[in-house]
Amino acid sequence: MKRILEMLMYENGELSLTRTISILFVLLFIGVTIYLVFFDFRWDHYETLATMAAGGGPMTQVANKFINSKYNSDIGTYEGRKGAE
């Protein structure tokens, strides 16, 4: 389990901010959903949260890919730039 979390949260041996944000979106969505179901509440803005969690996480990963491609690797390669980390 620890290895799976490391693969989700770390990038190049360091904690990734964008991956952390994506996981927090998912955990927030799951937590709020369980709370609303468990206490039988109705929240009028739940669809906004669902949209942010469903769209925010993947969009953060797209931004992460863009940042890594533009600033952390040489053009046309998967090799990391020296001094990019």
C-alpha atoms as a PDB file:
ATOM      1  CA  MET A   1       0.000   0.000   0.000  1.00  0.00           C
ATOM      2  CA  LYS A   2       2.853   2.362   0.831  1.00  0.00           C
ATOM      3  CA  ARG A   3       4.394   1.734  -2.602  1.00  0.00           C
ATOM      4  CA  ILE A   4       1.108   2.600  -4.332  1.00  0.00           C
ATOM      5  CA  LEU A   5       0.850   5.879  -2.414  1.00  0.00           C
ATOM      6  CA  GLU A   6       4.444   6.716  -3.290  1.00  0.00           C
ATOM      7  CA  MET A   7       3.709   6.104  -6.969  1.00  0.00           C
ATOM      8  CA  LEU A   8       0.640   8.367  -6.761  1.00  0.00           C
ATOM      9  CA  MET A   9       2.165  11.220  -4.771  1.00  0.00           C
ATOM     10  CA  TYR A  10       5.841  11.366  -5.750  1.00  0.00           C
ATOM     11  CA  GLU A  11       7.523  12.375  -8.963  1.00  0.00           C
ATOM     12  CA  ASN A  12      11.287  11.965  -9.436  1.00  0.00           C
ATOM     13  CA  GLY A  13      11.628  11.129  -5.742  1.00  0.00           C
ATOM     14  CA  GLU A  14       9.937  14.335  -4.552  1.00  0.00           C
ATOM     15  CA  LEU A  15       6.397  15.089  -3.438  1.00  0.00           C
ATOM     16  CA  SER A  16       4.443  16.517  -6.393  1.00  0.00           C
ATOM     17  CA  LEU A  17       2.217  19.522  -5.676  1.00  0.00           C
ATOM     18  CA  THR A  18      -0.098  18.920  -8.631  1.00  0.00           C
ATOM     19  CA  ARG A  19      -0.577  15.262  -7.756  1.00  0.00           C
ATOM     20  CA  THR A  20      -1.311  16.230  -4.146  1.00  0.00           C
ATOM     21  CA  ILE A  21      -3.942  18.722  -5.322  1.00  0.00           C
ATOM     22  CA  SER A  22      -5.583  16.080  -7.524  1.00  0.00           C
ATOM     23  CA  ILE A  23      -5.753  13.557  -4.691  1.00  0.00           C
ATOM     24  CA  LEU A  24      -7.161  16.194  -2.326  1.00  0.00           C
ATOM     25  CA  PHE A  25      -9.936  16.923  -4.864  1.00  0.00           C
ATOM     26  CA  VAL A  26     -10.894  13.246  -4.914  1.00  0.00           C
ATOM     27  CA  LEU A  27     -10.733  12.874  -1.121  1.00  0.00           C
ATOM     28  CA  LEU A  28     -12.837  16.004  -0.639  1.00  0.00           C
ATOM     29  CA  PHE A  29     -15.443  14.728  -3.077  1.00  0.00           C
ATOM     30  CA  ILE A  30     -15.599  11.302  -1.425  1.00  0.00           C
ATOM     31  CA  GLY A  31     -15.719  12.784   2.088  1.00  0.00           C
ATOM     32  CA  VAL A  32     -18.512  15.238   1.304  1.00  0.00           C
ATOM     33  CA  THR A  33     -20.486  12.564  -0.547  1.00  0.00           C
ATOM     34  CA  ILE A  34     -20.275  10.128   2.371  1.00  0.00           C
ATOM     35  CA  TYR A  35     -21.215  12.890   4.832  1.00  0.00           C
ATOM     36  CA  LEU A  36     -24.262  13.934   2.807  1.00  0.00           C
ATOM     37  CA  VAL A  37     -25.441  10.339   2.360  1.00  0.00           C
ATOM     38  CA  PHE A  38     -24.790   9.334   5.971  1.00  0.00           C
ATOM     39  CA  PHE A  39     -26.634  12.307   7.494  1.00  0.00           C
ATOM     40  CA  ASP A  40     -29.291  12.414   4.742  1.00  0.00           C
ATOM     41  CA  PHE A  41     -28.606  16.043   3.863  1.00  0.00           C
ATOM     42  CA  ARG A  42     -29.348  17.852   0.641  1.00  0.00           C
ATOM     43  CA  TRP A  43     -26.817  20.419  -0.546  1.00  0.00           C
ATOM     44  CA  ASP A  44     -27.874  22.653  -3.416  1.00  0.00           C
ATOM     45  CA  HIS A  45     -24.312  23.235  -4.625  1.00  0.00           C
ATOM     46  CA  TYR A  46     -23.218  19.594  -4.687  1.00  0.00           C
ATOM     47  CA  GLU A  47     -23.034  19.588  -8.493  1.00  0.00           C
ATOM     48  CA  THR A  48     -20.477  22.404  -8.316  1.00  0.00           C
ATOM     49  CA  LEU A  49     -18.287  20.333  -6.017  1.00  0.00           C
ATOM     50  CA  ALA A  50     -18.706  17.291  -8.249  1.00  0.00           C
ATOM     51  CA  THR A  51     -17.733  19.324 -11.312  1.00  0.00           C
ATOM     52  CA  MET A  52     -14.678  20.775  -9.579  1.00  0.00           C
ATOM     53  CA  ALA A  53     -13.581  17.357  -8.306  1.00  0.00           C
ATOM     54  CA  ALA A  54     -14.229  15.584 -11.605  1.00  0.00           C
ATOM     55  CA  GLY A  55     -12.712  18.344 -13.754  1.00  0.00           C
ATOM     56  CA  GLY A  56     -10.191  19.860 -11.382  1.00  0.00           C
ATOM     57  CA  GLY A  57      -8.177  16.704 -10.806  1.00  0.00           C
ATOM     58  CA  PRO A  58      -7.674  15.789 -14.456  1.00  0.00           C
ATOM     59  CA  MET A  59      -6.997  19.413 -15.433  1.00  0.00           C
ATOM     60  CA  THR A  60      -4.338  19.611 -12.725  1.00  0.00           C
ATOM     61  CA  GLN A  61      -2.697  16.533 -14.241  1.00  0.00           C
ATOM     62  CA  VAL A  62      -2.777  18.169 -17.693  1.00  0.00           C
ATOM     63  CA  ALA A  63      -1.063  21.222 -16.186  1.00  0.00           C
ATOM     64  CA  ASN A  64       1.472  18.911 -14.518  1.00  0.00           C
ATOM     65  CA  LYS A  65       2.234  17.239 -17.860  1.00  0.00           C
ATOM     66  CA  PHE A  66       2.636  20.633 -19.548  1.00  0.00           C
ATOM     67  CA  ILE A  67       4.999  21.893 -16.849  1.00  0.00           C
ATOM     68  CA  ASN A  68       7.102  18.722 -16.988  1.00  0.00           C
ATOM     69  CA  SER A  69       7.221  18.717 -20.787  1.00  0.00           C
ATOM     70  CA  LYS A  70       8.065  22.399 -21.136  1.00  0.00           C
ATOM     71  CA  TYR A  71      10.414  22.985 -18.232  1.00  0.00           C
ATOM     72  CA  ASN A  72      11.770  19.654 -16.977  1.00  0.00           C
ATOM     73  CA  SER A  73      12.697  17.714 -20.140  1.00  0.00           C
ATOM     74  CA  ASP A  74      14.486  18.411 -23.383  1.00  0.00           C
ATOM     75  CA  ILE A  75      12.325  18.890 -26.485  1.00  0.00           C
ATOM     76  CA  GLY A  76      11.486  15.589 -28.168  1.00  0.00           C
ATOM     77  CA  THR A  77      12.989  13.399 -25.427  1.00  0.00           C
ATOM     78  CA  TYR A  78      12.054  11.874 -22.117  1.00  0.00           C
ATOM     79  CA  GLU A  79      15.426  12.764 -20.659  1.00  0.00           C
ATOM     80  CA  GLY A  80      15.372  15.297 -17.840  1.00  0.00           C
ATOM     81  CA  ARG A  81      17.190  18.586 -18.135  1.00  0.00           C
ATOM     82  CA  LYS A  82      20.201  19.134 -15.944  1.00  0.00           C
ATOM     83  CA  GLY A  83      19.338  21.489 -13.097  1.00  0.00           C
ATOM     84  CA  ALA A  84      15.582  21.296 -13.702  1.00  0.00           C
ATOM     85  CA  GLU A  85      14.907  19.804 -10.302  1.00  0.00           C
END
